[in-house]
């Protein structure tokens, strides 16, 4: 799992330092910004798109609840940290993952972080389980192949047809490396889970689990899949942001 980015928001420097000291003990977390008021917090959350936000409630400019409301469209784990216990119910109504009562003990902060990381691991396992259980019937015009989604590396549009490129395991199972079919990429997209496959270009639908490396060549973002390093696949400009967002969260 890639490092999780963290923003700490509290108008008390000492409270921010206390959180920083504990968070820095986790290699999987990286503090990318701090804020001392609600208005700055909203600006940072929107510009930096963090994975986790530790948020005080009573602050200048905007309260923590106002910050949470102003960023409800952003995808991050919210942890409230406050000295006032009576805010707990309202905090959880905002779908916060946890509520720290200040001054929070290091052990309690670690418990909170472990909770977030375990939740993310479970979500990843659930996704992998769905991916592994899905099979598609692919017709090449002469024969039908029942292929596990996880055994498809990518699907390529070639003229009037589509070429399904199999993973090494898929090749062993079906005794071939590709299957030519008239099924469209749109039809494949409808059958395959959006959390497992991505249409990175009008000609390519890729298995996200098979991504090996991503790099820029001649100002163009390219994806190299495992076992296909000699065949970089172009990412269209409209899909660059979505792909980067996936890589950040995986």
C-alpha atoms as a PDB file:
ATOM      1  CA  UNK A   1       0.000   0.000   0.000  1.00  0.00           C
ATOM      2  CA  UNK A   2       1.266   3.467  -0.890  1.00  0.00           C
ATOM      3  CA  UNK A   3       1.833   6.084   1.819  1.00  0.00           C
ATOM      4  CA  UNK A   4      -1.359   7.709   3.083  1.00  0.00           C
ATOM      5  CA  UNK A   5      -1.279  11.518   3.041  1.00  0.00           C
ATOM      6  CA  UNK A   6      -2.362  13.321   6.209  1.00  0.00           C
ATOM      7  CA  UNK A   7      -3.455  16.888   7.002  1.00  0.00           C
ATOM      8  CA  UNK A   8      -3.618  18.060  10.634  1.00  0.00           C
ATOM      9  CA  UNK A   9      -5.956  20.933  11.486  1.00  0.00           C
ATOM     10  CA  UNK A  10      -5.900  22.518  14.957  1.00  0.00           C
ATOM     11  CA  UNK A  11      -5.550  26.087  16.168  1.00  0.00           C
ATOM     12  CA  UNK A  12      -3.279  24.934  19.024  1.00  0.00           C
ATOM     13  CA  UNK A  13       0.350  24.354  17.892  1.00  0.00           C
ATOM     14  CA  UNK A  14       0.974  22.021  20.835  1.00  0.00           C
ATOM     15  CA  UNK A  15      -1.954  19.799  19.784  1.00  0.00           C
ATOM     16  CA  UNK A  16      -0.630  19.641  16.225  1.00  0.00           C
ATOM     17  CA  UNK A  17       2.845  18.705  17.489  1.00  0.00           C
ATOM     18  CA  UNK A  18       1.398  15.897  19.623  1.00  0.00           C
ATOM     19  CA  UNK A  19      -0.397  14.383  16.635  1.00  0.00           C
ATOM     20  CA  UNK A  20       2.658  14.820  14.414  1.00  0.00           C
ATOM     21  CA  UNK A  21       4.901  12.924  16.818  1.00  0.00           C
ATOM     22  CA  UNK A  22       2.631   9.875  16.818  1.00  0.00           C
ATOM     23  CA  UNK A  23       1.795   9.928  13.095  1.00  0.00           C
ATOM     24  CA  UNK A  24       5.476  10.099  12.150  1.00  0.00           C
ATOM     25  CA  UNK A  25       5.957   6.685  13.792  1.00  0.00           C
ATOM     26  CA  UNK A  26       3.912   5.127  10.956  1.00  0.00           C
ATOM     27  CA  UNK A  27       5.880   4.523   7.751  1.00  0.00           C
ATOM     28  CA  UNK A  28       2.595   4.210   5.877  1.00  0.00           C
ATOM     29  CA  UNK A  29       1.575   7.795   6.739  1.00  0.00           C
ATOM     30  CA  UNK A  30       2.975  11.100   5.496  1.00  0.00           C
ATOM     31  CA  UNK A  31       2.001  14.506   6.889  1.00  0.00           C
ATOM     32  CA  UNK A  32       1.628  16.817   3.893  1.00  0.00           C
ATOM     33  CA  UNK A  33       0.227  19.945   5.567  1.00  0.00           C
ATOM     34  CA  UNK A  34      -0.980  21.595   8.764  1.00  0.00           C
ATOM     35  CA  UNK A  35      -3.554  24.320   9.314  1.00  0.00           C
ATOM     36  CA  UNK A  36      -4.551  26.470  12.280  1.00  0.00           C
ATOM     37  CA  UNK A  37      -7.990  27.619  11.137  1.00  0.00           C
ATOM     38  CA  UNK A  38     -10.989  26.247   9.277  1.00  0.00           C
ATOM     39  CA  UNK A  39     -10.751  28.405   6.167  1.00  0.00           C
ATOM     40  CA  UNK A  40      -7.153  27.337   5.517  1.00  0.00           C
ATOM     41  CA  UNK A  41      -8.163  23.729   6.166  1.00  0.00           C
ATOM     42  CA  UNK A  42     -10.773  23.780   3.394  1.00  0.00           C
ATOM     43  CA  UNK A  43      -8.265  25.275   0.941  1.00  0.00           C
ATOM     44  CA  UNK A  44      -5.639  22.629   1.816  1.00  0.00           C
ATOM     45  CA  UNK A  45      -8.073  19.712   1.628  1.00  0.00           C
ATOM     46  CA  UNK A  46      -9.302  20.821  -1.778  1.00  0.00           C
ATOM     47  CA  UNK A  47      -5.847  21.514  -3.210  1.00  0.00           C
ATOM     48  CA  UNK A  48      -3.964  18.515  -1.749  1.00  0.00           C
ATOM     49  CA  UNK A  49      -6.702  15.839  -1.720  1.00  0.00           C
ATOM     50  CA  UNK A  50      -5.463  14.028   1.432  1.00  0.00           C
ATOM     51  CA  UNK A  51      -6.309  10.486   2.481  1.00  0.00           C
ATOM     52  CA  UNK A  52      -6.776  11.344   6.180  1.00  0.00           C
ATOM     53  CA  UNK A  53      -7.662  14.596   7.986  1.00  0.00           C
ATOM     54  CA  UNK A  54      -7.336  15.112  11.741  1.00  0.00           C
ATOM     55  CA  UNK A  55      -9.697  17.994  12.448  1.00  0.00           C
ATOM     56  CA  UNK A  56     -10.278  20.137  15.532  1.00  0.00           C
ATOM     57  CA  UNK A  57     -13.840  21.402  16.080  1.00  0.00           C
ATOM     58  CA  UNK A  58     -13.643  24.835  17.728  1.00  0.00           C
ATOM     59  CA  UNK A  59     -11.385  26.986  15.533  1.00  0.00           C
ATOM     60  CA  UNK A  60     -11.184  30.499  14.078  1.00  0.00           C
ATOM     61  CA  UNK A  61     -12.795  31.330  10.700  1.00  0.00           C
ATOM     62  CA  UNK A  62     -14.774  28.058  10.445  1.00  0.00           C
ATOM     63  CA  UNK A  63     -15.556  25.248  12.867  1.00  0.00           C
ATOM     64  CA  UNK A  64     -14.505  21.684  12.196  1.00  0.00           C
ATOM     65  CA  UNK A  65     -18.109  20.782  11.397  1.00  0.00           C
ATOM     66  CA  UNK A  66     -18.241  23.586   8.812  1.00  0.00           C
ATOM     67  CA  UNK A  67     -14.990  22.323   7.283  1.00  0.00           C
ATOM     68  CA  UNK A  68     -16.422  18.801   7.063  1.00  0.00           C
ATOM     69  CA  UNK A  69     -19.611  20.109   5.432  1.00  0.00           C
ATOM     70  CA  UNK A  70     -17.637  22.224   2.938  1.00  0.00           C
ATOM     71  CA  UNK A  71     -15.620  19.192   1.833  1.00  0.00           C
ATOM     72  CA  UNK A  72     -18.268  16.446   1.824  1.00  0.00           C
ATOM     73  CA  UNK A  73     -17.543  15.821  -1.861  1.00  0.00           C
ATOM     74  CA  UNK A  74     -13.895  14.996  -1.087  1.00  0.00           C
ATOM     75  CA  UNK A  75     -12.894  11.388  -0.406  1.00  0.00           C
ATOM     76  CA  UNK A  76     -10.905  11.263   2.839  1.00  0.00           C
ATOM     77  CA  UNK A  77     -11.018   9.633   6.270  1.00  0.00           C
ATOM     78  CA  UNK A  78     -12.141  12.213   8.846  1.00  0.00           C
ATOM     79  CA  UNK A  79     -11.001  12.093  12.471  1.00  0.00           C
ATOM     80  CA  UNK A  80     -12.252  14.760  14.855  1.00  0.00           C
ATOM     81  CA  UNK A  81      -9.960  15.772  17.726  1.00  0.00           C
ATOM     82  CA  UNK A  82     -11.453  18.060  20.371  1.00  0.00           C
ATOM     83  CA  UNK A  83     -11.377  18.827  24.069  1.00  0.00           C
ATOM     84  CA  UNK A  84     -15.173  18.767  24.277  1.00  0.00           C
ATOM     85  CA  UNK A  85     -16.887  15.413  24.762  1.00  0.00           C
ATOM     86  CA  UNK A  86     -20.415  16.707  24.030  1.00  0.00           C
ATOM     87  CA  UNK A  87     -19.559  17.035  20.326  1.00  0.00           C
ATOM     88  CA  UNK A  88     -19.195  13.265  19.883  1.00  0.00           C
ATOM     89  CA  UNK A  89     -22.696  12.502  18.587  1.00  0.00           C
ATOM     90  CA  UNK A  90     -22.639  15.348  16.066  1.00  0.00           C
ATOM     91  CA  UNK A  91     -19.162  14.279  14.962  1.00  0.00           C
ATOM     92  CA  UNK A  92     -20.269  10.770  14.059  1.00  0.00           C
ATOM     93  CA  UNK A  93     -23.295  12.158  12.204  1.00  0.00           C
ATOM     94  CA  UNK A  94     -20.763  13.668   9.767  1.00  0.00           C
ATOM     95  CA  UNK A  95     -19.523  10.105   9.073  1.00  0.00           C
ATOM     96  CA  UNK A  96     -16.237  10.679  10.858  1.00  0.00           C
ATOM     97  CA  UNK A  97     -14.304   7.444  11.261  1.00  0.00           C
ATOM     98  CA  UNK A  98     -13.170   8.309  14.810  1.00  0.00           C
ATOM     99  CA  UNK A  99     -13.342  10.918  17.584  1.00  0.00           C
ATOM    100  CA  UNK A 100     -10.323  11.766  19.718  1.00  0.00           C
ATOM    101  CA  UNK A 101     -10.832  13.525  23.029  1.00  0.00           C
ATOM    102  CA  UNK A 102      -7.927  15.887  23.736  1.00  0.00           C
ATOM    103  CA  UNK A 103      -5.425  15.555  25.155  1.00  0.00           C
ATOM    104  CA  UNK A 104      -5.368  12.213  23.356  1.00  0.00           C
ATOM    105  CA  UNK A 105      -2.886   9.653  24.600  1.00  0.00           C
ATOM    106  CA  UNK A 106      -0.374   8.343  21.993  1.00  0.00           C
ATOM    107  CA  UNK A 107      -1.871   4.872  22.419  1.00  0.00           C
ATOM    108  CA  UNK A 108      -5.353   6.173  21.587  1.00  0.00           C
ATOM    109  CA  UNK A 109      -4.065   7.977  18.483  1.00  0.00           C
ATOM    110  CA  UNK A 110      -2.299   4.800  17.323  1.00  0.00           C
ATOM    111  CA  UNK A 111      -5.519   2.854  17.861  1.00  0.00           C
ATOM    112  CA  UNK A 112      -7.317   5.346  15.624  1.00  0.00           C
ATOM    113  CA  UNK A 113      -4.685   5.084  12.878  1.00  0.00           C
ATOM    114  CA  UNK A 114      -4.696   1.276  13.046  1.00  0.00           C
ATOM    115  CA  UNK A 115      -8.483   1.368  12.634  1.00  0.00           C
ATOM    116  CA  UNK A 116      -8.164   3.422   9.438  1.00  0.00           C
ATOM    117  CA  UNK A 117      -5.428   1.232   7.965  1.00  0.00           C
ATOM    118  CA  UNK A 118      -7.304  -1.980   8.778  1.00  0.00           C
ATOM    119  CA  UNK A 119     -10.456  -0.596   7.167  1.00  0.00           C
ATOM    120  CA  UNK A 120      -8.505   0.186   3.997  1.00  0.00           C
ATOM    121  CA  UNK A 121      -6.967  -3.295   3.912  1.00  0.00           C
ATOM    122  CA  UNK A 122     -10.399  -4.878   4.292  1.00  0.00           C
ATOM    123  CA  UNK A 123     -11.795  -2.748   1.461  1.00  0.00           C
ATOM    124  CA  UNK A 124      -8.920  -3.882  -0.749  1.00  0.00           C
ATOM    125  CA  UNK A 125      -9.556  -7.543   0.139  1.00  0.00           C
ATOM    126  CA  UNK A 126     -13.245  -7.154  -0.685  1.00  0.00           C
ATOM    127  CA  UNK A 127     -12.362  -5.677  -4.059  1.00  0.00           C
ATOM    128  CA  UNK A 128      -9.917  -8.499  -4.785  1.00  0.00           C
ATOM    129  CA  UNK A 129     -12.519 -11.081  -3.796  1.00  0.00           C
ATOM    130  CA  UNK A 130     -15.086  -9.615  -6.190  1.00  0.00           C
ATOM    131  CA  UNK A 131     -12.455  -9.489  -8.898  1.00  0.00           C
ATOM    132  CA  UNK A 132     -11.461 -13.132  -8.440  1.00  0.00           C
ATOM    133  CA  UNK A 133     -15.052 -14.431  -8.551  1.00  0.00           C
ATOM    134  CA  UNK A 134     -16.053 -12.743 -11.806  1.00  0.00           C
ATOM    135  CA  UNK A 135     -15.895 -14.753 -15.054  1.00  0.00           C
ATOM    136  CA  UNK A 136     -16.809 -13.720 -18.603  1.00  0.00           C
ATOM    137  CA  UNK A 137     -17.866 -15.765 -21.604  1.00  0.00           C
ATOM    138  CA  UNK A 138     -15.751 -14.594 -24.561  1.00  0.00           C
ATOM    139  CA  UNK A 139     -16.774 -15.703 -28.060  1.00  0.00           C
ATOM    140  CA  UNK A 140     -14.212 -15.648 -30.884  1.00  0.00           C
ATOM    141  CA  UNK A 141     -16.772 -16.662 -33.507  1.00  0.00           C
ATOM    142  CA  UNK A 142     -15.800 -20.331 -33.401  1.00  0.00           C
ATOM    143  CA  UNK A 143     -15.492 -21.167 -29.729  1.00  0.00           C
ATOM    144  CA  UNK A 144     -16.545 -19.729 -26.392  1.00  0.00           C
ATOM    145  CA  UNK A 145     -14.047 -19.276 -23.553  1.00  0.00           C
ATOM    146  CA  UNK A 146     -15.031 -18.862 -19.900  1.00  0.00           C
ATOM    147  CA  UNK A 147     -12.311 -16.523 -18.611  1.00  0.00           C
ATOM    148  CA  UNK A 148     -11.777 -15.278 -15.071  1.00  0.00           C
ATOM    149  CA  UNK A 149     -11.565 -11.491 -15.052  1.00  0.00           C
ATOM    150  CA  UNK A 150      -8.315 -11.671 -13.084  1.00  0.00           C
ATOM    151  CA  UNK A 151      -6.753 -13.601 -16.000  1.00  0.00           C
ATOM    152  CA  UNK A 152      -7.341 -10.736 -18.443  1.00  0.00           C
ATOM    153  CA  UNK A 153      -4.401  -8.314 -18.585  1.00  0.00           C
ATOM    154  CA  UNK A 154      -6.000  -5.841 -20.987  1.00  0.00           C
ATOM    155  CA  UNK A 155      -8.434  -5.611 -23.861  1.00  0.00           C
ATOM    156  CA  UNK A 156      -7.425  -3.755 -27.011  1.00  0.00           C
ATOM    157  CA  UNK A 157      -9.554  -2.369 -29.836  1.00  0.00           C
ATOM    158  CA  UNK A 158      -8.072  -3.418 -33.187  1.00  0.00           C
ATOM    159  CA  UNK A 159     -10.149  -2.187 -36.118  1.00  0.00           C
ATOM    160  CA  UNK A 160     -13.568  -3.867 -36.057  1.00  0.00           C
ATOM    161  CA  UNK A 161     -12.477  -6.391 -33.403  1.00  0.00           C
ATOM    162  CA  UNK A 162     -11.172  -6.540 -29.845  1.00  0.00           C
ATOM    163  CA  UNK A 163      -8.114  -8.508 -28.720  1.00  0.00           C
ATOM    164  CA  UNK A 164      -8.219  -9.895 -25.173  1.00  0.00           C
ATOM    165  CA  UNK A 165      -4.635 -10.184 -23.883  1.00  0.00           C
ATOM    166  CA  UNK A 166      -4.324 -12.830 -21.171  1.00  0.00           C
ATOM    167  CA  UNK A 167      -2.011 -12.875 -18.175  1.00  0.00           C
ATOM    168  CA  UNK A 168       0.632 -15.597 -17.888  1.00  0.00           C
ATOM    169  CA  UNK A 169      -1.778 -17.714 -15.826  1.00  0.00           C
ATOM    170  CA  UNK A 170      -4.547 -17.087 -18.351  1.00  0.00           C
ATOM    171  CA  UNK A 171      -2.252 -18.257 -21.153  1.00  0.00           C
ATOM    172  CA  UNK A 172      -1.571 -21.525 -19.313  1.00  0.00           C
ATOM    173  CA  UNK A 173      -5.256 -22.177 -18.666  1.00  0.00           C
ATOM    174  CA  UNK A 174      -6.492 -21.418 -22.196  1.00  0.00           C
ATOM    175  CA  UNK A 175      -3.379 -22.428 -24.189  1.00  0.00           C
ATOM    176  CA  UNK A 176      -3.242 -19.088 -26.003  1.00  0.00           C
ATOM    177  CA  UNK A 177      -2.078 -15.555 -25.249  1.00  0.00           C
ATOM    178  CA  UNK A 178      -4.908 -13.633 -26.902  1.00  0.00           C
ATOM    179  CA  UNK A 179      -8.510 -14.097 -28.007  1.00  0.00           C
ATOM    180  CA  UNK A 180     -10.063 -12.112 -30.860  1.00  0.00           C
ATOM    181  CA  UNK A 181     -13.720 -11.207 -30.378  1.00  0.00           C
ATOM    182  CA  UNK A 182     -16.400  -8.892 -31.758  1.00  0.00           C
ATOM    183  CA  UNK A 183     -17.512  -7.898 -28.239  1.00  0.00           C
ATOM    184  CA  UNK A 184     -17.059  -4.122 -27.922  1.00  0.00           C
ATOM    185  CA  UNK A 185     -15.022  -2.347 -25.267  1.00  0.00           C
ATOM    186  CA  UNK A 186     -18.231  -0.741 -24.025  1.00  0.00           C
ATOM    187  CA  UNK A 187     -19.767  -4.191 -23.566  1.00  0.00           C
ATOM    188  CA  UNK A 188     -16.670  -5.398 -21.696  1.00  0.00           C
ATOM    189  CA  UNK A 189     -16.770  -2.276 -19.508  1.00  0.00           C
ATOM    190  CA  UNK A 190     -20.381  -2.970 -18.548  1.00  0.00           C
ATOM    191  CA  UNK A 191     -19.557  -6.534 -17.487  1.00  0.00           C
ATOM    192  CA  UNK A 192     -16.302  -5.826 -15.671  1.00  0.00           C
ATOM    193  CA  UNK A 193     -16.086  -4.123 -12.279  1.00  0.00           C
ATOM    194  CA  UNK A 194     -15.156  -0.449 -12.504  1.00  0.00           C
ATOM    195  CA  UNK A 195     -13.016  -0.899  -9.385  1.00  0.00           C
ATOM    196  CA  UNK A 196     -10.927  -3.558 -11.148  1.00  0.00           C
ATOM    197  CA  UNK A 197     -10.761  -2.371 -14.775  1.00  0.00           C
ATOM    198  CA  UNK A 198     -10.295   1.081 -16.271  1.00  0.00           C
ATOM    199  CA  UNK A 199     -10.788   2.433 -19.777  1.00  0.00           C
ATOM    200  CA  UNK A 200      -7.538   4.414 -20.021  1.00  0.00           C
ATOM    201  CA  UNK A 201      -7.920   5.164 -23.728  1.00  0.00           C
ATOM    202  CA  UNK A 202     -10.551   4.655 -26.412  1.00  0.00           C
ATOM    203  CA  UNK A 203      -8.505   1.616 -27.501  1.00  0.00           C
ATOM    204  CA  UNK A 204      -7.500   0.121 -24.125  1.00  0.00           C
ATOM    205  CA  UNK A 205      -9.358  -1.364 -21.150  1.00  0.00           C
ATOM    206  CA  UNK A 206      -6.853  -2.518 -18.537  1.00  0.00           C
ATOM    207  CA  UNK A 207      -6.841  -4.754 -15.478  1.00  0.00           C
ATOM    208  CA  UNK A 208      -5.730  -2.364 -12.715  1.00  0.00           C
ATOM    209  CA  UNK A 209      -4.208  -5.211 -10.705  1.00  0.00           C
ATOM    210  CA  UNK A 210      -1.805  -5.859 -13.603  1.00  0.00           C
ATOM    211  CA  UNK A 211      -0.231  -2.374 -13.622  1.00  0.00           C
ATOM    212  CA  UNK A 212       3.542  -2.679 -13.407  1.00  0.00           C
ATOM    213  CA  UNK A 213       4.828   0.862 -13.875  1.00  0.00           C
ATOM    214  CA  UNK A 214       3.513   4.237 -14.975  1.00  0.00           C
ATOM    215  CA  UNK A 215       5.792   6.788 -16.592  1.00  0.00           C
ATOM    216  CA  UNK A 216       5.815   9.779 -18.892  1.00  0.00           C
ATOM    217  CA  UNK A 217       7.337   9.300 -22.349  1.00  0.00           C
ATOM    218  CA  UNK A 218       7.539  12.299 -24.672  1.00  0.00           C
ATOM    219  CA  UNK A 219       5.061  14.167 -22.423  1.00  0.00           C
ATOM    220  CA  UNK A 220       2.558  11.325 -22.711  1.00  0.00           C
ATOM    221  CA  UNK A 221       1.532   9.236 -19.691  1.00  0.00           C
ATOM    222  CA  UNK A 222       2.060   5.544 -20.401  1.00  0.00           C
ATOM    223  CA  UNK A 223       1.172   2.348 -18.497  1.00  0.00           C
ATOM    224  CA  UNK A 224       3.322  -0.780 -18.575  1.00  0.00           C
ATOM    225  CA  UNK A 225       1.477  -3.897 -17.453  1.00  0.00           C
ATOM    226  CA  UNK A 226       3.141  -6.879 -15.793  1.00  0.00           C
ATOM    227  CA  UNK A 227       4.517  -9.142 -18.513  1.00  0.00           C
ATOM    228  CA  UNK A 228       3.958  -6.464 -21.170  1.00  0.00           C
ATOM    229  CA  UNK A 229       6.796  -4.044 -20.419  1.00  0.00           C
ATOM    230  CA  UNK A 230       7.707  -3.953 -24.119  1.00  0.00           C
ATOM    231  CA  UNK A 231       4.211  -2.664 -24.933  1.00  0.00           C
ATOM    232  CA  UNK A 232       3.510   0.671 -23.177  1.00  0.00           C
ATOM    233  CA  UNK A 233      -0.163   1.647 -23.357  1.00  0.00           C
ATOM    234  CA  UNK A 234      -1.188   5.253 -23.903  1.00  0.00           C
ATOM    235  CA  UNK A 235      -3.366   6.999 -21.287  1.00  0.00           C
ATOM    236  CA  UNK A 236      -5.736   9.561 -22.771  1.00  0.00           C
ATOM    237  CA  UNK A 237      -5.691  13.046 -21.249  1.00  0.00           C
ATOM    238  CA  UNK A 238      -9.237  12.629 -19.933  1.00  0.00           C
ATOM    239  CA  UNK A 239      -8.212   9.566 -17.898  1.00  0.00           C
ATOM    240  CA  UNK A 240      -4.910  10.794 -16.431  1.00  0.00           C
ATOM    241  CA  UNK A 241      -6.551  12.170 -13.288  1.00  0.00           C
ATOM    242  CA  UNK A 242      -8.615   9.015 -12.649  1.00  0.00           C
ATOM    243  CA  UNK A 243      -5.571   6.766 -13.052  1.00  0.00           C
ATOM    244  CA  UNK A 244      -3.442   8.881 -10.711  1.00  0.00           C
ATOM    245  CA  UNK A 245      -6.242   8.849  -8.150  1.00  0.00           C
ATOM    246  CA  UNK A 246      -6.372   5.032  -8.292  1.00  0.00           C
ATOM    247  CA  UNK A 247      -2.594   4.712  -7.881  1.00  0.00           C
ATOM    248  CA  UNK A 248      -2.653   7.109  -4.939  1.00  0.00           C
ATOM    249  CA  UNK A 249      -5.250   5.014  -3.098  1.00  0.00           C
ATOM    250  CA  UNK A 250      -3.898   1.564  -3.945  1.00  0.00           C
END
